[in-house]
Structures are given as C-alpha cells and as structure tokens.
Amino acid sequence: QAQLVESGGGLVQPGGSLRLSCAASRRIFSANTMNWYRQAPGKERELVAAISTGGTTNYAEVVRGRFTISRDDAKNTVYLQMNSLTPEDTAVYYCNTRHIVNVEGAYVELWGQGTPVTVSA
C-alpha cells in the first residue's frame, strides 16, 4: 500500500487555480515535515513548499504569494493550493517526506507517485 498518495492534478488555464492533496499514513503525517516537489520536462526536481508538524511553512521564491501549503491533522493530508498559475508551473508534482525512523536519525525517503499539472490555454 502506497504511503503517500497525491491527487488533484489536471489541465488548467493560465491564471487559474488547482488544489493538490497528499494523503499519508497517520504515523508519517504526525511525525514529519511534509514537502511538495515538482519536476518539469528536462528540468531537475525542485522543492516547491514545505510544512512542519507545527505548521511552519516555507516556499520556493518562484511560487511565494501564489501557492499555499497546509495540513489537516484529522485527515492526515497535506494540501497545495495553487493560484495564478502560469505555463511555467507545468510539471509533475510530488509529495515527499524524510521519515525519521529512530532516535539515531536513520530515515527513509518517501515519495508519492506524482500528479501531473498542465497550465495551458
């Protein structure tokens, strides 16, 4: 069973909005910072936004003011609200976390399957 599952991607016009969701297990969601990455064709995967267990957020400068990351503890789900979308936002969006598994700091890097976002007229 997948531990991170993204949804909500699709085709949207420039200037439009989409809301991505990432469902996690309770154990993963409650203990780790959750991240959204994206990867466009021919480009490296880049960090878009992150949210800690305490709700502290960080954003890539290119999306700051347009994207909002949030989390719903009751649903074990992290969201990425994307507004004012441009064709440059076209990419596959991935949910990610570095899951620390013991007190010594050992971890497992977890990724969702990705949800594609296409911004085009």
Protein backbone atom coordinates (compact mmCIF):
# COMPACT_ATOMS: atom_id res chain seq x y z
CA GLN A 1 0.00 0.00 0.00
CA ALA A 2 1.33 3.43 -1.00
CA GLN A 3 2.35 5.58 1.96
CA LEU A 4 1.97 8.92 0.12
CA VAL A 5 -0.80 9.35 -2.46
CA GLU A 6 -1.21 12.57 -4.46
CA SER A 7 -4.32 13.72 -6.28
CA GLY A 8 -5.85 16.86 -7.77
CA GLY A 9 -3.67 17.50 -10.80
CA GLY A 10 -5.05 18.21 -14.23
CA LEU A 11 -5.34 20.77 -17.00
CA VAL A 12 -5.97 24.40 -16.08
CA GLN A 13 -5.90 27.69 -17.96
CA PRO A 14 -3.29 30.36 -17.21
CA GLY A 15 -4.45 32.41 -14.25
CA GLY A 16 -6.47 29.51 -12.90
CA SER A 17 -6.20 27.50 -9.71
CA LEU A 18 -5.78 23.91 -8.58
CA ARG A 19 -5.66 22.26 -5.18
CA LEU A 20 -3.42 19.24 -4.79
CA SER A 21 -3.81 16.71 -1.99
CA CYS A 22 -1.38 14.24 -0.46
CA ALA A 23 -2.77 11.58 1.83
CA ALA A 24 -0.33 9.97 4.26
CA SER A 25 -0.45 7.37 7.00
CA ARG A 26 -1.09 8.68 10.49
CA ARG A 27 2.40 7.63 11.62
CA ILE A 28 4.15 9.50 8.80
CA PHE A 29 1.92 12.55 8.85
CA SER A 30 2.12 13.15 12.59
CA ALA A 31 5.91 12.95 12.90
CA ASN A 32 7.48 14.59 9.84
CA THR A 33 7.73 17.72 7.76
CA MET A 34 5.79 17.27 4.52
CA ASN A 35 7.07 18.65 1.22
CA TRP A 36 5.80 19.33 -2.27
CA TYR A 37 8.28 18.99 -5.13
CA ARG A 38 7.75 19.39 -8.85
CA GLN A 39 9.61 18.30 -11.95
CA ALA A 40 9.11 19.79 -15.39
CA PRO A 41 10.29 18.07 -18.58
CA GLY A 42 14.04 18.44 -18.99
CA LYS A 43 14.49 20.02 -15.56
CA GLU A 44 15.66 18.88 -12.15
CA ARG A 45 13.14 18.18 -9.44
CA GLU A 46 12.69 21.25 -7.25
CA LEU A 47 11.25 21.89 -3.81
CA VAL A 48 8.08 23.98 -4.01
CA ALA A 49 6.80 24.15 -0.44
CA ALA A 50 7.16 22.52 2.96
CA ILE A 51 5.18 22.42 6.19
CA SER A 52 6.37 21.20 9.58
CA THR A 53 4.38 19.27 12.16
CA GLY A 54 3.94 22.57 13.97
CA GLY A 55 2.60 24.33 10.89
CA THR A 56 5.69 26.33 9.94
CA THR A 57 5.79 26.82 6.16
CA ASN A 58 8.49 27.50 3.59
CA TYR A 59 8.16 28.28 -0.11
CA ALA A 60 10.29 28.48 -3.19
CA GLU A 61 10.61 32.13 -4.16
CA VAL A 62 9.07 31.50 -7.57
CA VAL A 63 5.77 30.39 -6.00
CA ARG A 64 5.68 32.61 -2.92
CA GLY A 65 2.44 34.55 -2.72
CA ARG A 66 0.70 32.28 -5.23
CA PHE A 67 0.87 28.85 -3.58
CA THR A 68 -0.23 27.90 -0.07
CA ILE A 69 0.69 24.67 1.71
CA SER A 70 -1.48 23.48 4.57
CA ARG A 71 -2.21 20.34 6.55
CA ASP A 72 -5.29 18.72 8.03
CA ASP A 73 -4.35 16.64 11.06
CA ALA A 74 -7.73 14.91 11.22
CA LYS A 75 -7.39 13.65 7.64
CA ASN A 76 -3.62 13.02 7.64
CA THR A 77 -3.49 15.09 4.48
CA VAL A 78 -1.32 17.92 3.18
CA TYR A 79 -2.60 20.32 0.53
CA LEU A 80 -1.06 22.65 -2.02
CA GLN A 81 -3.39 25.42 -3.13
CA MET A 82 -2.03 26.85 -6.39
CA ASN A 83 -3.36 30.18 -7.65
CA SER A 84 -2.43 32.46 -10.55
CA LEU A 85 -0.97 29.52 -12.42
CA THR A 86 1.30 30.10 -15.41
CA PRO A 87 2.61 27.73 -18.08
CA GLU A 88 5.91 27.69 -16.16
CA ASP A 89 4.12 25.84 -13.36
CA THR A 90 3.51 22.88 -15.66
CA ALA A 91 5.16 19.85 -14.05
CA VAL A 92 4.56 16.61 -12.26
CA TYR A 93 4.02 17.43 -8.59
CA TYR A 94 5.26 15.02 -5.93
CA CYS A 95 4.56 14.69 -2.24
CA ASN A 96 7.65 13.88 -0.17
CA THR A 97 8.90 13.41 3.35
CA ARG A 98 12.13 12.31 5.01
CA HIS A 99 10.73 9.89 7.55
CA ILE A 100 12.99 9.63 10.60
CA VAL A 101 12.61 6.11 11.98
CA ASN A 102 14.78 6.11 15.13
CA VAL A 103 16.48 8.35 17.66
CA GLU A 104 19.86 7.96 15.92
CA GLY A 105 18.46 9.77 12.89
CA ALA A 106 18.05 6.94 10.42
CA TYR A 107 15.45 7.79 7.79
CA VAL A 108 13.54 6.62 4.77
CA GLU A 109 12.89 8.98 1.85
CA LEU A 110 9.26 8.61 0.83
CA TRP A 111 7.70 9.83 -2.42
CA GLY A 112 4.24 9.76 -3.86
CA GLN A 113 3.56 8.62 -7.40
CA GLY A 114 3.18 12.18 -8.69
CA THR A 115 0.20 14.09 -10.07
CA PRO A 116 0.64 16.00 -13.35
CA VAL A 117 -0.32 19.66 -13.67
CA THR A 118 -0.60 21.26 -17.09
CA VAL A 119 -1.19 25.01 -17.42
CA SER A 120 -2.20 25.85 -20.98
CA ALA A 121 -4.76 27.86 -22.89
